[in-house]
Amino acid sequence: MRVQCLILATLAVSVAGLSTVTAAADRQLVEQVKDPTTGLAVRVFVGGPADVSIELGDRTVTVQKAYAHGQSITTLATSGDRVQLTTAPGRLVLDGTGGRLEAVAGDAASMARIRERLARSEAVQRGVALLGSLNLGLRSPVGHALLATRAMLLSEIGRSDGFAEMARWVASARQALAVQPVAFQNGPGDCWNQYAKEAIANYSELEDCMRDVKWYDLLGDLDCGSIYDLRAIGDFSWYLHCVALR
């Protein structure tokens, strides 16, 4: 598959390229952007226990998105509720205040219990609202990763409106690629081109998945939004490592 080959090939090189960084500190802040709508800081880290992690929050909820060992890990927490949702090939794990639940491909009953727990979670409700208030721009890789996270959380509680936001991002990425200056074809701009192409291709496959077309049998019967979310954060990890090597 395109994205796995692209990520694995680049990470194999980038681990060596970033070894001095991760040896100096377990985690390093590599990007911090201020959302123009909310004024909130969105921080991106590499190293430590995760390949990449994105963190943000306000007075009511904190959100952390991480990609570690081929898994997508979403953690949301309020003063009284904590949820950690881990998506890996073939399984979905929910842990936190209400205890641990796990579902594997084809286990509809366990998936239903996870979705019910998520739908009742204050942390999920507040996290979805916070992510929906952001406006990081239609050419922001970190913004795209968070859009995918929101779409996944919404889909897990039975809502598909998050995918409309994804569609707008993809349409903007297509337009940007069509008018990309030749001078941007090498260097960090080329990393963005490759990232955008993968995001567009993955979204087309998401649409297939939502039309009940088998999506490479990656996760079997697990939710289409979870599959896209796993790919989106994996692509973002690849993008950061690609830019670091330029």
Protein backbone atom coordinates (compact mmCIF):
# COMPACT_ATOMS: atom_id res chain seq x y z
CA MET A 1 0.00 0.00 0.00
CA ARG A 2 1.25 3.47 -0.89
CA VAL A 3 1.07 5.19 2.46
CA GLN A 4 2.64 2.41 4.52
CA CYS A 5 5.54 2.10 2.07
CA LEU A 6 6.05 5.86 2.02
CA ILE A 7 5.96 6.20 5.80
CA LEU A 8 8.17 3.20 6.52
CA ALA A 9 10.77 4.14 3.92
CA THR A 10 11.06 7.70 5.19
CA LEU A 11 11.04 6.77 8.87
CA ALA A 12 13.85 4.30 8.30
CA VAL A 13 15.99 7.21 7.13
CA SER A 14 14.60 9.86 9.45
CA VAL A 15 15.25 7.88 12.63
CA ALA A 16 18.96 8.18 11.92
CA GLY A 17 18.57 11.85 10.96
CA LEU A 18 16.73 12.71 14.17
CA SER A 19 18.75 10.53 16.53
CA THR A 20 20.75 13.45 17.88
CA VAL A 21 17.53 15.29 18.65
CA THR A 22 15.84 12.43 20.49
CA ALA A 23 19.04 11.52 22.29
CA ALA A 24 19.32 15.06 23.66
CA ALA A 25 15.76 15.03 25.01
CA ASP A 26 12.97 12.50 25.18
CA ARG A 27 10.52 14.92 23.59
CA GLN A 28 11.10 18.03 21.53
CA LEU A 29 8.63 20.73 20.64
CA VAL A 30 8.91 21.09 16.85
CA GLU A 31 5.91 23.26 16.07
CA GLN A 32 3.56 25.58 17.93
CA VAL A 33 0.76 27.37 16.16
CA LYS A 34 -1.85 29.74 17.54
CA ASP A 35 -5.35 29.13 16.31
CA PRO A 36 -6.63 32.49 15.01
CA THR A 37 -10.23 31.76 15.97
CA THR A 38 -9.85 30.57 19.57
CA GLY A 39 -6.38 31.88 20.43
CA LEU A 40 -5.44 28.40 21.67
CA ALA A 41 -1.91 27.07 21.22
CA VAL A 42 -1.54 23.79 19.33
CA ARG A 43 1.79 22.11 20.13
CA VAL A 44 3.50 19.34 18.16
CA PHE A 45 6.18 17.12 19.72
CA VAL A 46 8.46 14.40 18.36
CA GLY A 47 10.37 11.83 20.35
CA GLY A 48 9.65 10.24 23.70
CA PRO A 49 7.10 7.43 23.79
CA ALA A 50 5.44 8.53 20.53
CA ASP A 51 6.69 9.21 17.01
CA VAL A 52 4.62 12.40 17.08
CA SER A 53 2.06 13.95 19.42
CA ILE A 54 -0.26 16.93 19.10
CA GLU A 55 -1.54 18.67 22.23
CA LEU A 56 -4.06 21.41 22.92
CA GLY A 57 -6.69 22.34 25.46
CA ASP A 58 -8.73 25.00 27.21
CA ARG A 59 -10.15 25.37 30.72
CA THR A 60 -12.65 22.55 30.18
CA VAL A 61 -10.84 19.81 28.23
CA THR A 62 -7.42 18.70 27.04
CA VAL A 63 -6.83 16.80 23.80
CA GLN A 64 -3.75 14.78 22.88
CA LYS A 65 -3.27 12.97 19.59
CA ALA A 66 -0.32 10.61 19.21
CA TYR A 67 1.10 8.15 16.70
CA ALA A 68 3.19 5.43 18.34
CA HIS A 69 4.24 1.98 17.14
CA GLY A 70 1.79 2.06 14.25
CA GLN A 71 -1.14 3.02 16.49
CA SER A 72 -3.33 6.12 16.65
CA ILE A 73 -3.92 7.20 20.26
CA THR A 74 -6.50 9.87 21.12
CA THR A 75 -6.68 11.05 24.74
CA LEU A 76 -9.33 13.47 26.00
CA ALA A 77 -9.69 14.59 29.61
CA THR A 78 -11.86 16.87 31.71
CA SER A 79 -11.77 17.34 35.49
CA GLY A 80 -14.06 14.34 35.94
CA ASP A 81 -13.65 12.17 32.86
CA ARG A 82 -10.79 10.69 30.86
CA VAL A 83 -10.96 8.71 27.63
CA GLN A 84 -8.13 7.11 25.66
CA LEU A 85 -9.02 5.55 22.33
CA THR A 86 -6.36 3.47 20.57
CA THR A 87 -6.77 2.35 16.96
CA ALA A 88 -4.44 -0.35 15.68
CA PRO A 89 -4.69 -2.73 12.72
CA GLY A 90 -7.49 -5.11 13.59
CA ARG A 91 -8.58 -3.68 16.92
CA LEU A 92 -9.96 -0.72 18.84
CA VAL A 93 -9.27 -0.18 22.57
CA LEU A 94 -11.06 2.24 24.88
CA ASP A 95 -9.58 2.95 28.30
CA GLY A 96 -10.17 5.57 30.95
CA THR A 97 -12.54 6.57 33.72
CA GLY A 98 -15.16 3.95 32.84
CA GLY A 99 -12.69 1.08 32.55
CA ARG A 100 -11.26 -0.79 29.57
CA LEU A 101 -13.11 -2.11 26.53
CA GLU A 102 -11.61 -3.78 23.47
CA ALA A 103 -13.05 -4.72 20.08
CA VAL A 104 -11.48 -6.68 17.27
CA ALA A 105 -12.52 -6.81 13.63
CA GLY A 106 -15.90 -8.45 13.26
CA ASP A 107 -16.86 -8.09 16.95
CA ALA A 108 -20.01 -5.99 16.52
CA ALA A 109 -21.14 -6.32 20.15
CA SER A 110 -17.86 -4.95 21.56
CA MET A 111 -17.87 -2.14 19.01
CA ALA A 112 -21.38 -1.19 20.11
CA ARG A 113 -20.27 -1.05 23.77
CA ILE A 114 -17.33 1.20 22.88
CA ARG A 115 -19.56 3.55 20.90
CA GLU A 116 -22.09 3.71 23.71
CA ARG A 117 -19.35 4.61 26.20
CA LEU A 118 -17.97 7.29 23.88
CA ALA A 119 -21.42 8.78 23.31
CA ARG A 120 -21.89 9.20 27.09
CA SER A 121 -18.43 10.68 27.69
CA GLU A 122 -18.21 14.32 28.78
CA ALA A 123 -14.57 14.38 27.65
CA VAL A 124 -15.53 13.26 24.13
CA GLN A 125 -18.34 15.82 23.90
CA ARG A 126 -16.11 18.67 25.03
CA GLY A 127 -13.19 17.46 22.91
CA VAL A 128 -15.31 17.30 19.77
CA ALA A 129 -16.59 20.83 20.47
CA LEU A 130 -13.05 22.14 21.01
CA LEU A 131 -11.72 20.56 17.82
CA GLY A 132 -14.69 21.94 15.92
CA SER A 133 -13.87 25.48 17.02
CA LEU A 134 -10.37 25.41 15.48
CA ASN A 135 -9.52 27.03 12.16
CA LEU A 136 -5.90 26.23 11.34
CA GLY A 137 -6.35 26.68 7.62
CA LEU A 138 -7.00 24.37 4.71
CA ARG A 139 -3.28 23.86 3.99
CA SER A 140 -2.24 22.94 7.51
CA PRO A 141 -1.07 19.31 8.00
CA VAL A 142 -1.61 19.55 11.77
CA GLY A 143 -5.05 21.00 11.10
CA HIS A 144 -5.84 18.07 8.81
CA ALA A 145 -4.73 15.56 11.45
CA LEU A 146 -7.05 17.18 14.00
CA LEU A 147 -9.92 17.31 11.50
CA ALA A 148 -9.48 13.57 10.98
CA THR A 149 -9.53 13.05 14.75
CA ARG A 150 -12.78 15.00 15.09
CA ALA A 151 -14.37 13.13 12.18
CA MET A 152 -13.37 9.82 13.76
CA LEU A 153 -14.82 10.74 17.17
CA LEU A 154 -18.05 11.95 15.59
CA SER A 155 -18.36 8.81 13.48
CA GLU A 156 -17.87 6.64 16.56
CA ILE A 157 -20.91 8.26 18.19
CA GLY A 158 -23.02 7.94 15.05
CA ARG A 159 -22.49 11.30 13.36
CA SER A 160 -21.08 11.80 9.85
CA ASP A 161 -20.88 15.62 9.73
CA GLY A 162 -17.15 15.56 10.46
CA PHE A 163 -16.54 14.07 7.03
CA ALA A 164 -17.96 17.19 5.34
CA GLU A 165 -15.08 19.16 6.86
CA MET A 166 -12.65 16.55 5.57
CA ALA A 167 -14.15 16.89 2.10
CA ARG A 168 -13.55 20.66 2.12
CA TRP A 169 -9.92 20.16 3.20
CA VAL A 170 -9.36 17.62 0.43
CA ALA A 171 -10.94 19.92 -2.18
CA SER A 172 -8.61 22.73 -1.09
CA ALA A 173 -5.58 20.41 -1.22
CA ARG A 174 -6.49 19.36 -4.76
CA GLN A 175 -6.71 22.99 -5.82
CA ALA A 176 -3.40 23.86 -4.15
CA LEU A 177 -1.63 20.98 -5.89
CA ALA A 178 -3.01 22.08 -9.25
CA VAL A 179 -1.44 25.54 -8.95
CA GLN A 180 1.74 24.60 -7.01
CA PRO A 181 4.72 26.64 -8.32
CA VAL A 182 7.55 24.66 -9.89
CA ALA A 183 9.96 26.21 -7.39
CA PHE A 184 8.15 24.35 -4.59
CA GLN A 185 8.73 20.92 -6.09
CA ASN A 186 11.89 20.38 -4.02
CA GLY A 187 12.47 20.92 -0.32
CA PRO A 188 9.73 21.16 2.35
CA GLY A 189 7.18 22.10 -0.32
CA ASP A 190 7.69 18.70 -1.90
CA CYS A 191 6.96 17.06 1.48
CA TRP A 192 3.65 18.91 1.54
CA ASN A 193 2.88 17.79 -2.02
CA GLN A 194 3.43 14.14 -1.12
CA TYR A 195 1.44 14.53 2.09
CA ALA A 196 -1.48 16.17 0.28
CA LYS A 197 -1.52 13.48 -2.41
CA GLU A 198 -1.72 10.75 0.24
CA ALA A 199 -4.47 12.61 2.11
CA ILE A 200 -6.48 12.94 -1.10
CA ALA A 201 -6.03 9.28 -2.03
CA ASN A 202 -6.93 8.15 1.48
CA TYR A 203 -10.08 10.27 1.44
CA SER A 204 -11.17 8.67 -1.83
CA GLU A 205 -10.77 5.30 -0.13
CA LEU A 206 -12.70 6.58 2.88
CA GLU A 207 -15.60 7.36 0.55
CA ASP A 208 -15.36 3.81 -0.80
CA CYS A 209 -15.39 2.46 2.75
CA MET A 210 -18.48 4.49 3.58
CA ARG A 211 -20.15 3.00 0.49
CA ASP A 212 -19.43 -0.46 1.95
CA VAL A 213 -16.58 -1.20 -0.42
CA LYS A 214 -13.91 -3.25 1.35
CA TRP A 215 -10.97 -0.97 2.17
CA TYR A 216 -7.95 -3.25 1.77
CA ASP A 217 -9.30 -5.36 4.64
CA LEU A 218 -7.09 -3.31 6.97
CA LEU A 219 -9.48 -3.34 9.90
CA GLY A 220 -12.29 -5.53 8.67
CA ASP A 221 -15.58 -4.33 10.14
CA LEU A 222 -14.12 -1.55 12.28
CA ASP A 223 -15.34 1.96 11.63
CA CYS A 224 -14.29 3.76 8.44
CA GLY A 225 -13.51 6.91 10.44
CA SER A 226 -11.06 5.01 12.64
CA ILE A 227 -9.23 3.71 9.59
CA TYR A 228 -8.90 7.17 8.09
CA ASP A 229 -7.79 8.62 11.44
CA LEU A 230 -5.02 6.02 11.75
CA ARG A 231 -3.78 6.84 8.27
CA ALA A 232 -4.04 10.60 8.79
CA ILE A 233 -1.87 10.67 11.91
CA GLY A 234 0.58 8.25 10.29
CA ASP A 235 0.84 10.56 7.29
CA PHE A 236 1.41 13.53 9.60
CA SER A 237 4.25 11.70 11.33
CA TRP A 238 5.78 11.02 7.91
CA TYR A 239 5.40 14.69 6.93
CA LEU A 240 7.23 15.95 10.04
CA HIS A 241 10.12 13.55 9.50
CA CYS A 242 10.26 14.47 5.81
CA VAL A 243 10.51 18.18 6.58
CA ALA A 244 13.17 17.52 9.25
CA LEU A 245 15.40 15.90 6.61
CA ARG A 246 15.20 18.80 4.15
